[in-house]
Amino acid sequence: MPKLTDKTNFNMSLTNTINRSAITLLLLFLSLFVSLPSNGQDKPAAGAAGADPEKVAEGAKLFEANCKVCHAIDKVVVGPALRDVEKRKPIGWIVNFVHNSSKVIASGDPYAVELFNKFGKAEMKSFPELSDDQIKNIVEYIKSAPKVEDVKIPTGKDGEQTEAQSDEGGYSGIILILIIIVLVLVLVMLVVFLSVLKRYLKDKEEKLAEADQEIVNQKFDVLKVIKSKGFLSIVGIIFVALALRACWNNMLYVGVDQGYAPIQPIPFSHKLHAGQYKIDCNYCHTGVTKGKQANIPSLNICMNCHTHIKSGPRFGQDGIAKVVDAYNSNKPVKWVRVHNLPDLAYFNHAQHVQVGGIECKTCHGQIDTMEVVRQHSPLTMGWCINCHRETAVNGKDNAYYDKLLELHSKKGPLKVAENGGLECSKCHY
């Protein structure tokens, strides 16, 4: 009987190699599958035909900052719905009422008095700081705004609004799925190749030595593979690497309060105020566009609404009663600070919000969905630096950057990092 021992040993060595490769690919496939992450910008509403887009855009900003607290366009909130307000009264009357509603009501104007009585004799806050053109732009925005039923909002469980999937998250998911598909195909090919190789050797079994026949007929023993030194070594290396990575990540987050959500002395729901009632952040946090601090709103701002609203849907009368008592006794509420940078770091809200055009949710997350406010971002130096590397300088309507942006236009968008955003003295001095 001819011996093919050398060839057979080579083939079985190849077979064992393929077996080990298949196991390694399977482990890699499972790890990728487990680590696959689960995956929005609001699109501006289209203006009405003939409307000046710039006026509508300015009107939208003014409406968000000044009107949205008490008014909606298609439904009654604290005040009346504003749809077709320009058809109910002439623009001159609207301008006068916004500038000084008390004066118009005191004059005995029938429509103003009717509104005053209909809405609990609550006078609308006057806005003498708004110019006639600004008020007209707000009216233009109201005319251009789509009706609520025309806007389709994706919903999730219990009808809650869901955030649209970002392009970046979508691309990452697609790449991971493609990698998994490739790994599965490679694994299938290895299994098929191994099956064909074993079948070939099986057909030559009669010509093989007895020792070689035993190798060909041996069955795959999972327990033996698990107990093998090679497998135990790989598992040990992976375990040590994961343990070191976990220790390193935890050390990096020492002193990081991401997720911190303290209990406040008076329960306050941002989900209700900013989410359901759409109160603009700037209405309460008045310093966010003017100075370093966004500032905690004073009780005067709370009482603008709670002079008339004495009971809430979340906490009944108790929570609002505490606000009223603190206001009447002239004692500030001792709110617990959530976001707190170390003293060695300088940060200016106005620079980021007013000049940079950064939205609040970029750093603070979806505040309008939080019952209890928590720290959304890590607020670490690395996180800030990465943002400066990725964010382009906002030069819109800002002549200060015109020349610099023009010189840099051929190289692409000017990032904050390229404009001194990585200099130590910008934040530490």
Protein backbone atom coordinates (compact mmCIF):
# COMPACT_ATOMS: atom_id res chain seq x y z
CA MET A 1 0.00 0.00 0.00
CA PRO A 2 1.54 3.31 -1.02
CA LYS A 3 2.12 5.90 1.70
CA LEU A 4 1.12 9.51 1.34
CA THR A 5 2.05 10.43 4.89
CA ASP A 6 3.94 13.64 4.09
CA LYS A 7 1.24 14.92 1.77
CA THR A 8 -1.51 13.87 4.12
CA ASN A 9 0.18 15.55 7.07
CA PHE A 10 0.48 18.72 5.03
CA ASN A 11 -3.20 18.56 4.05
CA MET A 12 -4.34 17.91 7.62
CA SER A 13 -2.10 20.70 8.87
CA LEU A 14 -3.82 22.95 6.35
CA THR A 15 -7.16 21.62 7.54
CA ASN A 16 -6.35 22.41 11.16
CA THR A 17 -5.20 25.90 10.14
CA ILE A 18 -8.49 26.47 8.34
CA ASN A 19 -10.37 25.21 11.40
CA ARG A 20 -8.57 27.68 13.63
CA SER A 21 -9.11 30.47 11.10
CA ALA A 22 -12.81 29.70 10.96
CA ILE A 23 -13.05 29.86 14.77
CA THR A 24 -11.13 33.17 14.84
CA LEU A 25 -13.40 34.65 12.15
CA LEU A 26 -16.46 33.47 14.03
CA LEU A 27 -15.24 35.16 17.24
CA LEU A 28 -14.47 38.35 15.29
CA PHE A 29 -17.91 38.24 13.68
CA LEU A 30 -19.60 37.87 17.07
CA SER A 31 -17.58 40.73 18.59
CA LEU A 32 -18.47 43.03 15.69
CA PHE A 33 -22.11 42.05 15.90
CA VAL A 34 -22.24 42.79 19.64
CA SER A 35 -20.47 46.14 19.19
CA LEU A 36 -22.73 47.26 16.34
CA PRO A 37 -24.11 50.63 17.51
CA SER A 38 -27.74 51.54 17.30
CA ASN A 39 -28.40 54.40 15.22
CA GLY A 40 -30.98 65.01 13.23
CA GLN A 41 -31.34 68.21 12.06
CA ASP A 42 -34.69 69.90 11.80
CA LYS A 43 -35.32 71.20 8.33
CA PRO A 44 -36.51 74.78 8.11
CA ALA A 45 -40.04 75.27 6.99
CA ALA A 46 -40.59 76.56 3.50
CA GLY A 47 -41.92 80.09 3.34
CA ALA A 48 -45.14 81.18 1.70
CA ALA A 49 -45.11 82.19 -1.94
CA GLY A 50 -43.82 85.74 -2.39
CA ALA A 51 -42.38 85.98 1.14
CA ASP A 52 -38.89 87.43 1.60
CA PRO A 53 -36.80 84.52 2.95
CA GLU A 54 -34.55 86.84 4.97
CA LYS A 55 -37.51 88.52 6.66
CA VAL A 56 -39.14 85.15 7.37
CA ALA A 57 -35.86 83.81 8.83
CA GLU A 58 -35.45 86.85 11.10
CA GLY A 59 -39.11 86.63 12.09
CA ALA A 60 -38.68 82.96 13.00
CA LYS A 61 -35.76 83.79 15.32
CA LEU A 62 -37.66 86.62 16.96
CA PHE A 63 -40.75 84.46 17.37
CA GLU A 64 -38.71 81.68 19.01
CA ALA A 65 -37.01 84.13 21.39
CA ASN A 66 -39.98 86.32 22.35
CA CYS A 67 -43.36 84.86 21.42
CA LYS A 68 -43.17 81.09 21.69
CA VAL A 69 -43.37 81.12 25.48
CA CYS A 70 -47.03 82.13 25.41
CA HIS A 71 -48.15 81.65 21.79
CA ALA A 72 -48.34 78.96 19.16
CA ILE A 73 -49.35 79.52 15.56
CA ASP A 74 -52.16 76.98 15.28
CA LYS A 75 -53.23 76.33 18.87
CA VAL A 76 -54.00 78.22 22.07
CA VAL A 77 -51.25 78.07 24.70
CA VAL A 78 -51.19 80.87 27.31
CA GLY A 79 -52.38 83.35 24.67
CA PRO A 80 -54.39 82.97 21.46
CA ALA A 81 -53.26 81.13 18.33
CA LEU A 82 -51.60 83.59 15.92
CA ARG A 83 -52.54 82.08 12.56
CA ASP A 84 -54.14 84.82 10.33
CA VAL A 85 -53.48 87.53 12.93
CA GLU A 86 -52.80 89.96 10.07
CA LYS A 87 -56.35 89.30 8.79
CA ARG A 88 -57.96 89.99 12.15
CA LYS A 89 -56.25 93.34 12.77
CA PRO A 90 -54.16 95.75 10.64
CA ILE A 91 -50.39 95.66 11.01
CA GLY A 92 -50.33 99.08 12.71
CA TRP A 93 -52.61 97.81 15.48
CA ILE A 94 -50.43 94.70 15.93
CA VAL A 95 -47.29 96.84 16.23
CA ASN A 96 -48.89 99.07 18.88
CA PHE A 97 -50.20 96.09 20.85
CA VAL A 98 -46.82 94.36 20.89
CA HIS A 99 -45.04 97.57 21.92
CA ASN A 100 -47.45 98.28 24.79
CA SER A 101 -50.44 95.95 25.24
CA SER A 102 -51.47 97.64 28.51
CA LYS A 103 -51.90 100.99 26.77
CA VAL A 104 -54.06 99.51 24.00
CA ILE A 105 -56.28 97.70 26.54
CA ALA A 106 -56.57 100.83 28.69
CA SER A 107 -57.68 102.81 25.65
CA GLY A 108 -60.85 100.69 25.54
CA ASP A 109 -60.11 99.03 22.19
CA PRO A 110 -62.92 96.42 21.85
CA TYR A 111 -60.76 93.61 20.45
CA ALA A 112 -57.97 94.17 22.99
CA VAL A 113 -60.47 94.20 25.86
CA GLU A 114 -62.10 91.03 24.52
CA LEU A 115 -58.73 89.23 24.47
CA PHE A 116 -57.92 90.55 27.94
CA ASN A 117 -61.15 89.15 29.40
CA LYS A 118 -61.04 85.89 27.42
CA PHE A 119 -57.57 84.94 28.67
CA GLY A 120 -58.03 85.45 32.39
CA LYS A 121 -57.33 89.18 32.41
CA ALA A 122 -53.62 88.52 31.89
CA GLU A 123 -51.85 91.30 30.07
CA MET A 124 -49.32 90.34 27.42
CA LYS A 125 -45.76 91.35 28.16
CA SER A 126 -44.82 94.54 26.28
CA PHE A 127 -41.86 94.52 23.87
CA PRO A 128 -40.81 98.16 23.36
CA GLU A 129 -37.31 96.99 22.34
CA LEU A 130 -38.65 95.43 19.12
CA SER A 131 -38.69 97.74 16.11
CA ASP A 132 -41.68 98.07 13.77
CA ASP A 133 -39.82 96.11 11.07
CA GLN A 134 -38.97 93.31 13.48
CA ILE A 135 -42.63 92.94 14.46
CA LYS A 136 -43.61 92.93 10.78
CA ASN A 137 -41.05 90.19 10.17
CA ILE A 138 -42.61 88.11 12.95
CA VAL A 139 -45.98 88.50 11.20
CA GLU A 140 -44.34 87.43 7.91
CA TYR A 141 -43.06 84.30 9.63
CA ILE A 142 -46.51 83.54 11.06
CA LYS A 143 -48.01 83.90 7.57
CA SER A 144 -45.35 81.59 6.11
CA ALA A 145 -45.32 78.89 8.78
CA PRO A 146 -46.81 75.53 7.70
CA LYS A 147 -49.85 74.24 9.53
CA VAL A 148 -49.23 71.68 12.26
CA GLU A 149 -51.07 68.90 10.41
CA ASP A 150 -48.86 69.49 7.33
CA VAL A 151 -45.66 68.73 9.23
CA LYS A 152 -44.93 65.01 9.53
CA ILE A 153 -42.85 64.15 12.58
CA PRO A 154 -41.41 60.64 12.96
CA THR A 155 -42.68 59.03 16.14
CA GLY A 156 -41.48 56.16 18.25
CA LYS A 157 -42.96 54.30 21.19
CA ASP A 158 -45.97 55.91 22.88
CA GLY A 159 -46.06 58.54 20.14
CA GLU A 160 -42.93 60.32 21.35
CA GLN A 161 -41.00 62.27 18.74
CA THR A 162 -37.87 60.44 17.60
CA GLU A 163 -34.66 62.04 16.44
CA ALA A 164 -33.78 61.60 12.77
CA GLN A 165 -30.82 59.40 12.05
CA SER A 166 -27.69 61.39 11.39
CA ASP A 167 -25.69 60.87 8.22
CA GLU A 168 -22.55 60.08 10.18
CA GLY A 169 -24.26 57.40 12.28
CA GLY A 170 -25.88 55.94 9.15
CA TYR A 171 -22.57 55.65 7.29
CA SER A 172 -20.89 54.00 10.29
CA GLY A 173 -23.69 51.45 10.49
CA ILE A 174 -23.44 50.69 6.75
CA ILE A 175 -19.67 50.18 6.97
CA LEU A 176 -20.03 47.79 9.92
CA ILE A 177 -22.76 45.83 8.13
CA LEU A 178 -20.55 45.50 5.03
CA ILE A 179 -17.63 44.25 7.15
CA ILE A 180 -19.89 41.66 8.79
CA ILE A 181 -21.17 40.49 5.39
CA VAL A 182 -17.59 40.09 4.10
CA LEU A 183 -16.60 38.12 7.21
CA VAL A 184 -19.62 35.85 6.84
CA LEU A 185 -18.76 35.19 3.18
CA VAL A 186 -15.14 34.40 4.06
CA LEU A 187 -16.32 32.05 6.82
CA VAL A 188 -18.68 30.26 4.41
CA MET A 189 -15.90 29.89 1.84
CA LEU A 190 -13.56 28.42 4.46
CA VAL A 191 -16.20 25.91 5.56
CA VAL A 192 -16.87 24.88 1.95
CA PHE A 193 -13.16 24.57 1.19
CA LEU A 194 -12.63 22.47 4.33
CA SER A 195 -15.54 20.21 3.38
CA VAL A 196 -14.16 19.67 -0.15
CA LEU A 197 -10.67 18.96 1.19
CA LYS A 198 -11.93 16.36 3.66
CA ARG A 199 -14.05 14.70 0.97
CA TYR A 200 -11.01 14.49 -1.31
CA LEU A 201 -8.92 12.85 1.39
CA LYS A 202 -11.79 10.50 2.22
CA ASP A 203 -11.82 9.25 -1.40
CA LYS A 204 -8.10 8.46 -1.11
CA GLU A 205 -8.56 6.70 2.22
CA GLU A 206 -7.79 3.19 0.83
CA LYS A 207 -4.33 4.31 -0.33
CA LEU A 208 -3.44 5.94 2.99
CA ALA A 209 -1.50 4.43 5.85
CA GLU A 210 -3.46 3.47 8.93
CA ALA A 211 -2.12 6.42 10.89
CA ASP A 212 -3.18 8.77 8.11
CA GLN A 213 -6.66 7.22 8.00
CA GLU A 214 -7.09 8.01 11.69
CA ILE A 215 -6.24 11.66 11.00
CA VAL A 216 -8.73 11.85 8.11
CA ASN A 217 -11.53 10.22 10.11
CA GLN A 218 -11.01 12.18 13.29
CA LYS A 219 -13.93 14.37 14.37
CA PHE A 220 -13.74 18.00 15.36
CA ASP A 221 -13.58 18.16 19.17
CA VAL A 222 -14.73 21.54 20.48
CA LEU A 223 -13.70 20.66 24.04
CA LYS A 224 -10.20 19.78 22.87
CA VAL A 225 -9.89 23.09 21.03
CA ILE A 226 -11.06 25.00 24.10
CA LYS A 227 -8.51 23.24 26.28
CA SER A 228 -5.68 23.76 23.80
CA LYS A 229 -2.82 26.09 24.74
CA GLY A 230 -3.30 28.20 21.63
CA PHE A 231 -6.98 28.92 22.34
CA LEU A 232 -6.34 29.62 26.04
CA SER A 233 -3.49 31.96 25.10
CA ILE A 234 -5.69 33.93 22.68
CA VAL A 235 -8.50 34.18 25.24
CA GLY A 236 -6.02 35.28 27.91
CA ILE A 237 -4.51 37.97 25.70
CA ILE A 238 -7.98 39.29 24.77
CA PHE A 239 -9.03 39.33 28.44
CA VAL A 240 -5.90 41.19 29.55
CA ALA A 241 -6.25 43.69 26.66
CA LEU A 242 -9.91 44.37 27.51
CA ALA A 243 -9.09 44.73 31.21
CA LEU A 244 -6.29 47.21 30.48
CA ARG A 245 -8.54 49.14 28.10
CA ALA A 246 -11.30 49.31 30.73
CA CYS A 247 -8.84 50.55 33.38
CA TRP A 248 -7.44 53.16 30.99
CA ASN A 249 -10.90 54.43 30.03
CA ASN A 250 -12.00 54.63 33.67
CA MET A 251 -8.84 56.55 34.60
CA LEU A 252 -9.51 59.01 31.77
CA TYR A 253 -12.97 59.69 33.23
CA VAL A 254 -11.83 60.41 36.78
CA GLY A 255 -13.45 63.74 37.66
CA VAL A 256 -15.80 63.65 34.66
CA ASP A 257 -19.43 64.11 35.70
CA GLN A 258 -21.13 63.04 32.48
CA GLY A 259 -24.63 61.80 33.33
CA TYR A 260 -24.76 63.78 36.62
CA ALA A 261 -28.42 64.60 37.38
CA PRO A 262 -28.86 66.07 40.89
CA ILE A 263 -32.20 66.38 42.66
CA GLN A 264 -33.30 70.03 42.74
CA PRO A 265 -35.03 71.76 45.68
CA ILE A 266 -38.06 72.41 43.45
CA PRO A 267 -38.98 69.84 40.77
CA PHE A 268 -38.73 71.36 37.31
CA SER A 269 -39.43 69.55 34.04
CA HIS A 270 -37.56 70.75 30.96
CA LYS A 271 -39.51 68.16 29.00
CA LEU A 272 -42.70 70.08 29.87
CA HIS A 273 -41.42 73.65 29.51
CA ALA A 274 -38.91 73.35 26.64
CA GLY A 275 -40.44 70.26 25.05
CA GLN A 276 -44.22 70.41 25.28
CA TYR A 277 -44.61 74.20 25.60
CA LYS A 278 -41.62 75.01 23.33
CA ILE A 279 -40.23 77.75 25.59
CA ASP A 280 -37.00 79.00 24.02
CA CYS A 281 -33.83 78.47 26.07
CA ASN A 282 -32.93 82.16 25.73
CA TYR A 283 -36.19 83.26 27.35
CA CYS A 284 -35.13 81.86 30.74
CA HIS A 285 -31.34 81.74 30.40
CA THR A 286 -31.04 85.37 29.37
CA GLY A 287 -27.25 85.67 29.60
CA VAL A 288 -26.45 82.99 27.07
CA THR A 289 -26.08 85.44 24.16
CA LYS A 290 -24.60 88.30 26.17
CA GLY A 291 -21.99 87.01 28.58
CA LYS A 292 -19.86 84.20 29.92
CA GLN A 293 -22.64 82.54 31.94
CA ALA A 294 -25.99 81.31 30.68
CA ASN A 295 -27.28 82.10 34.21
CA ILE A 296 -30.06 80.43 36.17
CA PRO A 297 -33.35 82.29 35.55
CA SER A 298 -34.60 84.59 38.26
CA LEU A 299 -37.97 84.03 39.95
CA ASN A 300 -39.27 87.11 38.11
CA ILE A 301 -39.09 85.12 34.87
CA CYS A 302 -40.89 82.17 36.47
CA MET A 303 -43.64 84.47 37.71
CA ASN A 304 -44.28 85.86 34.22
CA CYS A 305 -46.29 82.67 33.69
CA HIS A 306 -46.94 81.38 37.20
CA THR A 307 -48.71 84.53 38.30
CA HIS A 308 -51.61 83.00 36.40
CA ILE A 309 -50.69 79.28 36.21
CA LYS A 310 -51.00 77.82 39.70
CA SER A 311 -51.10 74.09 38.97
CA GLY A 312 -49.01 71.94 36.66
CA PRO A 313 -49.62 68.56 34.95
CA ARG A 314 -46.49 66.97 36.46
CA PHE A 315 -46.30 68.07 40.09
CA GLY A 316 -49.70 69.68 40.73
CA GLN A 317 -49.79 72.76 42.94
CA ASP A 318 -46.96 71.91 45.36
CA GLY A 319 -44.05 72.69 43.03
CA ILE A 320 -45.47 75.99 41.79
CA ALA A 321 -46.45 76.95 45.36
CA LYS A 322 -42.77 76.71 46.36
CA VAL A 323 -41.85 79.08 43.52
CA VAL A 324 -44.56 81.57 44.57
CA ASP A 325 -43.54 81.38 48.25
CA ALA A 326 -39.88 82.00 47.40
CA TYR A 327 -40.88 84.97 45.21
CA ASN A 328 -43.16 86.49 47.86
CA SER A 329 -40.56 86.05 50.61
CA ASN A 330 -37.80 87.45 48.36
CA LYS A 331 -35.62 84.39 48.99
CA PRO A 332 -33.69 82.87 46.07
CA VAL A 333 -34.10 79.17 45.36
CA LYS A 334 -30.89 77.21 46.04
CA TRP A 335 -30.68 75.36 42.73
CA VAL A 336 -28.01 72.67 42.43
CA ARG A 337 -25.54 73.36 39.62
CA VAL A 338 -25.36 70.63 36.97
CA HIS A 339 -22.63 71.80 34.56
CA ASN A 340 -19.46 73.00 36.25
CA LEU A 341 -16.12 73.57 34.52
CA PRO A 342 -12.98 73.71 36.68
CA ASP A 343 -11.72 77.18 37.59
CA LEU A 344 -8.63 76.67 35.43
CA ALA A 345 -10.75 76.64 32.26
CA TYR A 346 -12.33 79.72 30.70
CA PHE A 347 -15.54 79.36 28.68
CA ASN A 348 -17.75 82.08 27.24
CA HIS A 349 -21.32 81.25 26.23
CA ALA A 350 -21.79 84.39 24.13
CA GLN A 351 -18.71 83.57 22.02
CA HIS A 352 -20.08 80.13 21.18
CA VAL A 353 -23.81 80.86 20.91
CA GLN A 354 -23.94 84.41 19.54
CA VAL A 355 -20.75 84.49 17.44
CA GLY A 356 -20.21 80.81 16.69
CA GLY A 357 -23.89 80.02 16.15
CA ILE A 358 -23.64 76.80 18.21
CA GLU A 359 -27.02 75.37 19.23
CA CYS A 360 -27.66 74.59 22.90
CA LYS A 361 -28.28 70.88 22.21
CA THR A 362 -24.79 70.52 20.69
CA CYS A 363 -23.30 70.57 24.19
CA HIS A 364 -26.30 70.02 26.46
CA GLY A 365 -28.11 67.32 24.48
CA GLN A 366 -31.87 67.09 23.97
CA ILE A 367 -32.80 69.16 27.03
CA ASP A 368 -36.40 69.31 25.78
CA THR A 369 -36.75 65.55 26.46
CA MET A 370 -35.31 65.58 30.00
CA GLU A 371 -37.58 65.48 33.04
CA VAL A 372 -34.47 65.96 35.20
CA VAL A 373 -31.56 67.79 33.59
CA ARG A 374 -28.34 65.78 33.39
CA GLN A 375 -24.88 66.56 32.07
CA HIS A 376 -25.00 65.25 28.51
CA SER A 377 -21.40 65.84 27.36
CA PRO A 378 -18.16 64.94 29.17
CA LEU A 379 -16.93 68.57 29.03
CA THR A 380 -13.33 67.33 28.99
CA MET A 381 -10.45 69.15 27.31
CA GLY A 382 -10.22 66.43 24.66
CA TRP A 383 -13.91 66.82 23.89
CA CYS A 384 -13.53 70.60 23.46
CA ILE A 385 -10.41 70.26 21.30
CA ASN A 386 -12.09 67.72 19.05
CA CYS A 387 -15.02 70.10 18.57
CA HIS A 388 -12.62 72.91 17.61
CA ARG A 389 -10.99 70.62 15.07
CA GLU A 390 -14.30 69.67 13.44
CA THR A 391 -16.28 72.94 13.64
CA ALA A 392 -15.96 75.57 10.91
CA VAL A 393 -15.71 79.26 11.81
CA ASN A 394 -19.11 80.93 11.47
CA GLY A 395 -18.52 83.94 9.23
CA LYS A 396 -22.13 84.58 8.22
CA ASP A 397 -23.08 88.27 8.59
CA ASN A 398 -19.81 88.85 10.43
CA ALA A 399 -17.46 91.16 8.53
CA TYR A 400 -14.71 90.50 11.08
CA TYR A 401 -13.95 87.17 9.36
CA ASP A 402 -14.53 88.20 5.72
CA LYS A 403 -10.89 88.74 4.74
CA LEU A 404 -9.67 85.67 6.62
CA LEU A 405 -12.33 83.42 5.06
CA GLU A 406 -11.55 84.81 1.61
CA LEU A 407 -7.83 84.00 1.99
CA HIS A 408 -8.66 80.52 3.26
CA SER A 409 -11.41 79.72 0.74
CA LYS A 410 -9.19 77.64 -1.56
CA LYS A 411 -8.24 75.29 1.28
CA GLY A 412 -11.83 74.55 2.28
CA PRO A 413 -13.77 75.58 5.41
CA LEU A 414 -11.75 77.42 8.04
CA LYS A 415 -11.85 75.33 11.21
CA VAL A 416 -11.76 76.88 14.68
CA ALA A 417 -8.50 75.01 15.32
CA GLU A 418 -6.89 76.88 12.42
CA ASN A 419 -8.01 80.19 13.87
CA GLY A 420 -6.21 79.75 17.18
CA GLY A 421 -8.73 77.35 18.70
CA LEU A 422 -5.99 75.00 19.94
CA GLU A 423 -3.86 77.65 21.64
CA CYS A 424 -3.51 76.96 25.37
CA SER A 425 -4.00 80.61 26.30
CA LYS A 426 -7.45 80.67 24.70
CA CYS A 427 -8.90 78.69 27.61
CA HIS A 428 -6.12 78.77 30.24
CA TYR A 429 -4.66 82.09 31.34
